[in-house]
Amino acid sequence: MTCPEPTWASIRSSEQLADTPAIRRGERWWLVAPSGAVPADDPALVHELDALAADLDAANRAVTQLARDEPRQGPG
């Protein structure tokens, strides 16, 4: 099943790559602007978007782990 072409108004934050115009819908990257959307079909661009998404995911997991491991600081 293919996902519908995104529109500016239909973007969910879980689809968006940080604060970029790149979103991932299903298995496809899109570049979205108020004027429309274009699929990111260039293999080099798709590779970089995948790498950036993986790096951001790893950073988010590391921050979450640090927050769990940090002792609670209460009023002294």
PDB file of N, CA and C in Angstrom:
ATOM      1  N   MET A   1       0.841  -1.172   0.000  1.00  0.00           N
ATOM      2  CA  MET A   1       0.000   0.000   0.000  1.00  0.00           C
ATOM      3  C   MET A   1       0.891   1.243   0.000  1.00  0.00           C
ATOM      4  N   THR A   2       0.611   2.174  -0.875  1.00  0.00           N
ATOM      5  CA  THR A   2       1.382   3.401  -0.924  1.00  0.00           C
ATOM      6  C   THR A   2       0.711   4.462  -0.064  1.00  0.00           C
ATOM      7  N   CYS A   3       1.535   5.338   0.457  1.00  0.00           N
ATOM      8  CA  CYS A   3       1.018   6.433   1.282  1.00  0.00           C
ATOM      9  C   CYS A   3       0.679   7.615   0.379  1.00  0.00           C
ATOM     10  N   PRO A   4      -0.316   8.400   0.765  1.00  0.00           N
ATOM     11  CA  PRO A   4      -0.695   9.540  -0.062  1.00  0.00           C
ATOM     12  C   PRO A   4       0.383  10.619  -0.061  1.00  0.00           C
ATOM     13  N   GLU A   5       0.403  11.375  -1.133  1.00  0.00           N
ATOM     14  CA  GLU A   5       1.326  12.505  -1.217  1.00  0.00           C
ATOM     15  C   GLU A   5       1.015  13.476  -0.089  1.00  0.00           C
ATOM     16  N   PRO A   6       2.041  13.926   0.626  1.00  0.00           N
ATOM     17  CA  PRO A   6       1.785  14.837   1.740  1.00  0.00           C
ATOM     18  C   PRO A   6       1.440  16.240   1.264  1.00  0.00           C
ATOM     19  N   THR A   7       0.709  16.929   2.091  1.00  0.00           N
ATOM     20  CA  THR A   7       0.472  18.356   1.893  1.00  0.00           C
ATOM     21  C   THR A   7       0.993  19.065   3.128  1.00  0.00           C
ATOM     22  N   TRP A   8       1.218  20.346   3.013  1.00  0.00           N
ATOM     23  CA  TRP A   8       1.754  21.126   4.134  1.00  0.00           C
ATOM     24  C   TRP A   8       0.900  20.948   5.381  1.00  0.00           C
ATOM     25  N   ALA A   9      -0.411  20.905   5.194  1.00  0.00           N
ATOM     26  CA  ALA A   9      -1.330  20.810   6.332  1.00  0.00           C
ATOM     27  C   ALA A   9      -1.426  19.396   6.899  1.00  0.00           C
ATOM     28  N   SER A  10      -0.980  18.389   6.139  1.00  0.00           N
ATOM     29  CA  SER A  10      -1.155  17.010   6.597  1.00  0.00           C
ATOM     30  C   SER A  10       0.076  16.429   7.292  1.00  0.00           C
ATOM     31  N   ILE A  11       1.118  17.225   7.462  1.00  0.00           N
ATOM     32  CA  ILE A  11       2.359  16.709   8.048  1.00  0.00           C
ATOM     33  C   ILE A  11       2.177  16.485   9.542  1.00  0.00           C
ATOM     34  N   ARG A  12       2.520  15.278   9.985  1.00  0.00           N
ATOM     35  CA  ARG A  12       2.542  14.972  11.416  1.00  0.00           C
ATOM     36  C   ARG A  12       3.971  15.147  11.902  1.00  0.00           C
ATOM     37  N   SER A  13       4.145  15.605  13.126  1.00  0.00           N
ATOM     38  CA  SER A  13       5.497  15.849  13.640  1.00  0.00           C
ATOM     39  C   SER A  13       6.330  14.575  13.646  1.00  0.00           C
ATOM     40  N   SER A  14       5.685  13.420  13.794  1.00  0.00           N
ATOM     41  CA  SER A  14       6.420  12.156  13.794  1.00  0.00           C
ATOM     42  C   SER A  14       6.998  11.829  12.414  1.00  0.00           C
ATOM     43  N   GLU A  15       6.496  12.467  11.366  1.00  0.00           N
ATOM     44  CA  GLU A  15       6.994  12.237  10.017  1.00  0.00           C
ATOM     45  C   GLU A  15       8.147  13.170   9.656  1.00  0.00           C
ATOM     46  N   GLN A  16       8.215  14.316  10.309  1.00  0.00           N
ATOM     47  CA  GLN A  16       9.156  15.353   9.915  1.00  0.00           C
ATOM     48  C   GLN A  16      10.545  15.079  10.469  1.00  0.00           C
ATOM     49  N   LEU A  17      11.563  15.335   9.660  1.00  0.00           N
ATOM     50  CA  LEU A  17      12.946  15.168  10.067  1.00  0.00           C
ATOM     51  C   LEU A  17      13.423  16.468  10.699  1.00  0.00           C
ATOM     52  N   ALA A  18      13.406  16.494  12.036  1.00  0.00           N
ATOM     53  CA  ALA A  18      13.793  17.686  12.811  1.00  0.00           C
ATOM     54  C   ALA A  18      13.012  18.895  12.293  1.00  0.00           C
ATOM     55  N   ASP A  19      13.689  20.000  12.061  1.00  0.00           N
ATOM     56  CA  ASP A  19      13.020  21.209  11.573  1.00  0.00           C
ATOM     57  C   ASP A  19      13.281  21.427  10.087  1.00  0.00           C
ATOM     58  N   THR A  20      13.374  20.329   9.346  1.00  0.00           N
ATOM     59  CA  THR A  20      13.631  20.414   7.914  1.00  0.00           C
ATOM     60  C   THR A  20      12.329  20.247   7.138  1.00  0.00           C
ATOM     61  N   PRO A  21      12.342  20.553   5.853  1.00  0.00           N
ATOM     62  CA  PRO A  21      11.153  20.307   5.035  1.00  0.00           C
ATOM     63  C   PRO A  21      11.036  18.848   4.605  1.00  0.00           C
ATOM     64  N   ALA A  22      11.942  18.001   5.075  1.00  0.00           N
ATOM     65  CA  ALA A  22      11.923  16.586   4.689  1.00  0.00           C
ATOM     66  C   ALA A  22      11.016  15.809   5.630  1.00  0.00           C
ATOM     67  N   ILE A  23      10.140  15.022   5.041  1.00  0.00           N
ATOM     68  CA  ILE A  23       9.294  14.134   5.844  1.00  0.00           C
ATOM     69  C   ILE A  23       9.373  12.739   5.252  1.00  0.00           C
ATOM     70  N   ARG A  24       9.158  11.755   6.092  1.00  0.00           N
ATOM     71  CA  ARG A  24       9.114  10.374   5.629  1.00  0.00           C
ATOM     72  C   ARG A  24       7.688   9.881   5.789  1.00  0.00           C
ATOM     73  N   ARG A  25       7.115   9.500   4.688  1.00  0.00           N
ATOM     74  CA  ARG A  25       5.759   8.954   4.694  1.00  0.00           C
ATOM     75  C   ARG A  25       5.849   7.566   4.080  1.00  0.00           C
ATOM     76  N   GLY A  26       5.593   6.579   4.923  1.00  0.00           N
ATOM     77  CA  GLY A  26       5.776   5.204   4.477  1.00  0.00           C
ATOM     78  C   GLY A  26       7.259   4.939   4.273  1.00  0.00           C
ATOM     79  N   GLU A  27       7.616   4.474   3.107  1.00  0.00           N
ATOM     80  CA  GLU A  27       9.015   4.180   2.786  1.00  0.00           C
ATOM     81  C   GLU A  27       9.652   5.259   1.924  1.00  0.00           C
ATOM     82  N   ARG A  28       8.982   6.391   1.768  1.00  0.00           N
ATOM     83  CA  ARG A  28       9.445   7.417   0.844  1.00  0.00           C
ATOM     84  C   ARG A  28       9.679   8.739   1.547  1.00  0.00           C
ATOM     85  N   TRP A  29      10.776   9.406   1.171  1.00  0.00           N
ATOM     86  CA  TRP A  29      11.052  10.756   1.639  1.00  0.00           C
ATOM     87  C   TRP A  29      10.400  11.759   0.697  1.00  0.00           C
ATOM     88  N   TRP A  30       9.895  12.836   1.272  1.00  0.00           N
ATOM     89  CA  TRP A  30       9.302  13.937   0.522  1.00  0.00           C
ATOM     90  C   TRP A  30       9.902  15.244   1.020  1.00  0.00           C
ATOM     91  N   LEU A  31       9.994  16.217   0.136  1.00  0.00           N
ATOM     92  CA  LEU A  31      10.337  17.590   0.498  1.00  0.00           C
ATOM     93  C   LEU A  31       9.049  18.386   0.348  1.00  0.00           C
ATOM     94  N   VAL A  32       8.617  18.997   1.448  1.00  0.00           N
ATOM     95  CA  VAL A  32       7.297  19.620   1.482  1.00  0.00           C
ATOM     96  C   VAL A  32       7.425  21.109   1.797  1.00  0.00           C
ATOM     97  N   ALA A  33       6.663  21.891   1.062  1.00  0.00           N
ATOM     98  CA  ALA A  33       6.589  23.340   1.271  1.00  0.00           C
ATOM     99  C   ALA A  33       5.128  23.750   1.129  1.00  0.00           C
ATOM    100  N   PRO A  34       4.780  24.963   1.555  1.00  0.00           N
ATOM    101  CA  PRO A  34       3.386  25.394   1.399  1.00  0.00           C
ATOM    102  C   PRO A  34       2.905  25.321  -0.050  1.00  0.00           C
ATOM    103  N   SER A  35       3.824  25.445  -0.996  1.00  0.00           N
ATOM    104  CA  SER A  35       3.415  25.433  -2.408  1.00  0.00           C
ATOM    105  C   SER A  35       3.261  24.027  -2.983  1.00  0.00           C
ATOM    106  N   GLY A  36       3.677  22.991  -2.241  1.00  0.00           N
ATOM    107  CA  GLY A  36       3.518  21.629  -2.743  1.00  0.00           C
ATOM    108  C   GLY A  36       4.577  20.694  -2.198  1.00  0.00           C
ATOM    109  N   ALA A  37       4.590  19.481  -2.721  1.00  0.00           N
ATOM    110  CA  ALA A  37       5.525  18.457  -2.268  1.00  0.00           C
ATOM    111  C   ALA A  37       6.156  17.774  -3.469  1.00  0.00           C
ATOM    112  N   VAL A  38       7.420  17.406  -3.319  1.00  0.00           N
ATOM    113  CA  VAL A  38       8.104  16.630  -4.352  1.00  0.00           C
ATOM    114  C   VAL A  38       8.757  15.431  -3.680  1.00  0.00           C
ATOM    115  N   PRO A  39       8.706  14.290  -4.329  1.00  0.00           N
ATOM    116  CA  PRO A  39       9.368  13.121  -3.756  1.00  0.00           C
ATOM    117  C   PRO A  39      10.880  13.279  -3.855  1.00  0.00           C
ATOM    118  N   ALA A  40      11.577  12.839  -2.836  1.00  0.00           N
ATOM    119  CA  ALA A  40      13.042  12.847  -2.856  1.00  0.00           C
ATOM    120  C   ALA A  40      13.472  11.541  -3.504  1.00  0.00           C
ATOM    121  N   ASP A  41      13.766  11.581  -4.797  1.00  0.00           N
ATOM    122  CA  ASP A  41      14.085  10.380  -5.544  1.00  0.00           C
ATOM    123  C   ASP A  41      15.579  10.195  -5.794  1.00  0.00           C
ATOM    124  N   ASP A  42      16.378  11.225  -5.578  1.00  0.00           N
ATOM    125  CA  ASP A  42      17.816  11.122  -5.816  1.00  0.00           C
ATOM    126  C   ASP A  42      18.433  10.178  -4.780  1.00  0.00           C
ATOM    127  N   PRO A  43      19.084   9.096  -5.209  1.00  0.00           N
ATOM    128  CA  PRO A  43      19.633   8.126  -4.264  1.00  0.00           C
ATOM    129  C   PRO A  43      20.619   8.733  -3.257  1.00  0.00           C
ATOM    130  N   ALA A  44      21.416   9.700  -3.687  1.00  0.00           N
ATOM    131  CA  ALA A  44      22.374  10.327  -2.768  1.00  0.00           C
ATOM    132  C   ALA A  44      21.640  11.131  -1.693  1.00  0.00           C
ATOM    133  N   LEU A  45      20.593  11.847  -2.079  1.00  0.00           N
ATOM    134  CA  LEU A  45      19.805  12.614  -1.114  1.00  0.00           C
ATOM    135  C   LEU A  45      19.090  11.674  -0.148  1.00  0.00           C
ATOM    136  N   VAL A  46      18.498  10.615  -0.671  1.00  0.00           N
ATOM    137  CA  VAL A  46      17.798   9.645   0.179  1.00  0.00           C
ATOM    138  C   VAL A  46      18.772   9.021   1.173  1.00  0.00           C
ATOM    139  N   HIS A  47      19.976   8.702   0.716  1.00  0.00           N
ATOM    140  CA  HIS A  47      20.994   8.134   1.605  1.00  0.00           C
ATOM    141  C   HIS A  47      21.323   9.110   2.736  1.00  0.00           C
ATOM    142  N   GLU A  48      21.510  10.382   2.404  1.00  0.00           N
ATOM    143  CA  GLU A  48      21.830  11.389   3.427  1.00  0.00           C
ATOM    144  C   GLU A  48      20.667  11.597   4.394  1.00  0.00           C
ATOM    145  N   LEU A  49      19.441  11.608   3.889  1.00  0.00           N
ATOM    146  CA  LEU A  49      18.280  11.755   4.768  1.00  0.00           C
ATOM    147  C   LEU A  49      18.167  10.553   5.708  1.00  0.00           C
ATOM    148  N   ASP A  50      18.391   9.346   5.185  1.00  0.00           N
ATOM    149  CA  ASP A  50      18.373   8.154   6.035  1.00  0.00           C
ATOM    150  C   ASP A  50      19.458   8.228   7.109  1.00  0.00           C
ATOM    151  N   ALA A  51      20.658   8.658   6.719  1.00  0.00           N
ATOM    152  CA  ALA A  51      21.769   8.760   7.672  1.00  0.00           C
ATOM    153  C   ALA A  51      21.467   9.802   8.749  1.00  0.00           C
ATOM    154  N   LEU A  52      20.938  10.950   8.358  1.00  0.00           N
ATOM    155  CA  LEU A  52      20.604  11.988   9.330  1.00  0.00           C
ATOM    156  C   LEU A  52      19.508  11.507  10.281  1.00  0.00           C
ATOM    157  N   ALA A  53      18.505  10.838   9.743  1.00  0.00           N
ATOM    158  CA  ALA A  53      17.428  10.317  10.589  1.00  0.00           C
ATOM    159  C   ALA A  53      17.972   9.302  11.593  1.00  0.00           C
ATOM    160  N   ALA A  54      18.876   8.438  11.153  1.00  0.00           N
ATOM    161  CA  ALA A  54      19.469   7.447  12.049  1.00  0.00           C
ATOM    162  C   ALA A  54      20.312   8.125  13.127  1.00  0.00           C
ATOM    163  N   ASP A  55      21.080   9.145  12.750  1.00  0.00           N
ATOM    164  CA  ASP A  55      21.900   9.874  13.728  1.00  0.00           C
ATOM    165  C   ASP A  55      21.034  10.597  14.757  1.00  0.00           C
ATOM    166  N   LEU A  56      19.955  11.228  14.308  1.00  0.00           N
ATOM    167  CA  LEU A  56      19.059  11.920  15.234  1.00  0.00           C
ATOM    168  C   LEU A  56      18.381  10.932  16.176  1.00  0.00           C
ATOM    169  N   ASP A  57      18.003   9.777  15.658  1.00  0.00           N
ATOM    170  CA  ASP A  57      17.390   8.749  16.488  1.00  0.00           C
ATOM    171  C   ASP A  57      18.373   8.262  17.553  1.00  0.00           C
ATOM    172  N   ALA A  58      19.619   8.031  17.159  1.00  0.00           N
ATOM    173  CA  ALA A  58      20.638   7.589  18.117  1.00  0.00           C
ATOM    174  C   ALA A  58      20.887   8.665  19.181  1.00  0.00           C
ATOM    175  N   ALA A  59      20.919   9.918  18.779  1.00  0.00           N
ATOM    176  CA  ALA A  59      21.113  11.004  19.740  1.00  0.00           C
ATOM    177  C   ALA A  59      19.948  11.091  20.713  1.00  0.00           C
ATOM    178  N   ASN A  60      18.736  10.944  20.213  1.00  0.00           N
ATOM    179  CA  ASN A  60      17.559  10.973  21.092  1.00  0.00           C
ATOM    180  C   ASN A  60      17.584   9.826  22.097  1.00  0.00           C
ATOM    181  N   ARG A  61      17.984   8.631  21.642  1.00  0.00           N
ATOM    182  CA  ARG A  61      18.079   7.500  22.564  1.00  0.00           C
ATOM    183  C   ARG A  61      19.158   7.747  23.620  1.00  0.00           C
ATOM    184  N   ALA A  62      20.284   8.342  23.230  1.00  0.00           N
ATOM    185  CA  ALA A  62      21.363   8.619  24.183  1.00  0.00           C
ATOM    186  C   ALA A  62      20.914   9.631  25.233  1.00  0.00           C
ATOM    187  N   VAL A  63      20.212  10.656  24.823  1.00  0.00           N
ATOM    188  CA  VAL A  63      19.719  11.660  25.776  1.00  0.00           C
ATOM    189  C   VAL A  63      18.715  11.027  26.730  1.00  0.00           C
ATOM    190  N   THR A  64      17.847  10.187  26.206  1.00  0.00           N
ATOM    191  CA  THR A  64      16.873   9.494  27.056  1.00  0.00           C
ATOM    192  C   THR A  64      17.584   8.625  28.085  1.00  0.00           C
ATOM    193  N   GLN A  65      18.617   7.917  27.655  1.00  0.00           N
ATOM    194  CA  GLN A  65      19.371   7.071  28.578  1.00  0.00           C
ATOM    195  C   GLN A  65      20.081   7.905  29.639  1.00  0.00           C
ATOM    196  N   LEU A  66      20.657   9.021  29.250  1.00  0.00           N
ATOM    197  CA  LEU A  66      21.307   9.906  30.222  1.00  0.00           C
ATOM    198  C   LEU A  66      20.307  10.417  31.248  1.00  0.00           C
ATOM    199  N   ALA A  67      19.115  10.763  30.794  1.00  0.00           N
ATOM    200  CA  ALA A  67      18.093  11.268  31.705  1.00  0.00           C
ATOM    201  C   ALA A  67      17.684  10.182  32.701  1.00  0.00           C
ATOM    202  N   ARG A  68      17.647   8.932  32.265  1.00  0.00           N
ATOM    203  CA  ARG A  68      17.305   7.832  33.175  1.00  0.00           C
ATOM    204  C   ARG A  68      18.409   7.580  34.190  1.00  0.00           C
ATOM    205  N   ASP A  69      19.657   7.700  33.748  1.00  0.00           N
ATOM    206  CA  ASP A  69      20.797   7.373  34.602  1.00  0.00           C
ATOM    207  C   ASP A  69      21.156   8.486  35.584  1.00  0.00           C
ATOM    208  N   GLU A  70      20.726   9.711  35.312  1.00  0.00           N
ATOM    209  CA  GLU A  70      21.089  10.855  36.157  1.00  0.00           C
ATOM    210  C   GLU A  70      20.336  10.780  37.481  1.00  0.00           C
ATOM    211  N   PRO A  71      21.069  10.888  38.598  1.00  0.00           N
ATOM    212  CA  PRO A  71      20.378  10.866  39.878  1.00  0.00           C
ATOM    213  C   PRO A  71      19.478  12.100  40.037  1.00  0.00           C
ATOM    214  N   ARG A  72      18.384  11.904  40.704  1.00  0.00           N
ATOM    215  CA  ARG A  72      17.455  13.019  40.916  1.00  0.00           C
ATOM    216  C   ARG A  72      18.065  14.031  41.870  1.00  0.00           C
ATOM    217  N   GLN A  73      17.939  15.275  41.524  1.00  0.00           N
ATOM    218  CA  GLN A  73      18.446  16.362  42.349  1.00  0.00           C
ATOM    219  C   GLN A  73      17.257  17.002  43.052  1.00  0.00           C
ATOM    220  N   GLY A  74      17.187  16.854  44.333  1.00  0.00           N
ATOM    221  CA  GLY A  74      16.103  17.445  45.089  1.00  0.00           C
ATOM    222  C   GLY A  74      16.602  18.637  45.885  1.00  0.00           C
ATOM    223  N   PRO A  75      15.685  19.312  46.570  1.00  0.00           N
ATOM    224  CA  PRO A  75      16.111  20.444  47.397  1.00  0.00           C
ATOM    225  C   PRO A  75      17.052  19.951  48.487  1.00  0.00           C
ATOM    226  N   GLY A  76      18.132  20.686  48.672  1.00  0.00           N
ATOM    227  CA  GLY A  76      19.188  20.254  49.568  1.00  0.00           C
ATOM    228  C   GLY A  76      19.011  20.658  50.942  1.00  0.00           C
TER     229      GLY A  76
END
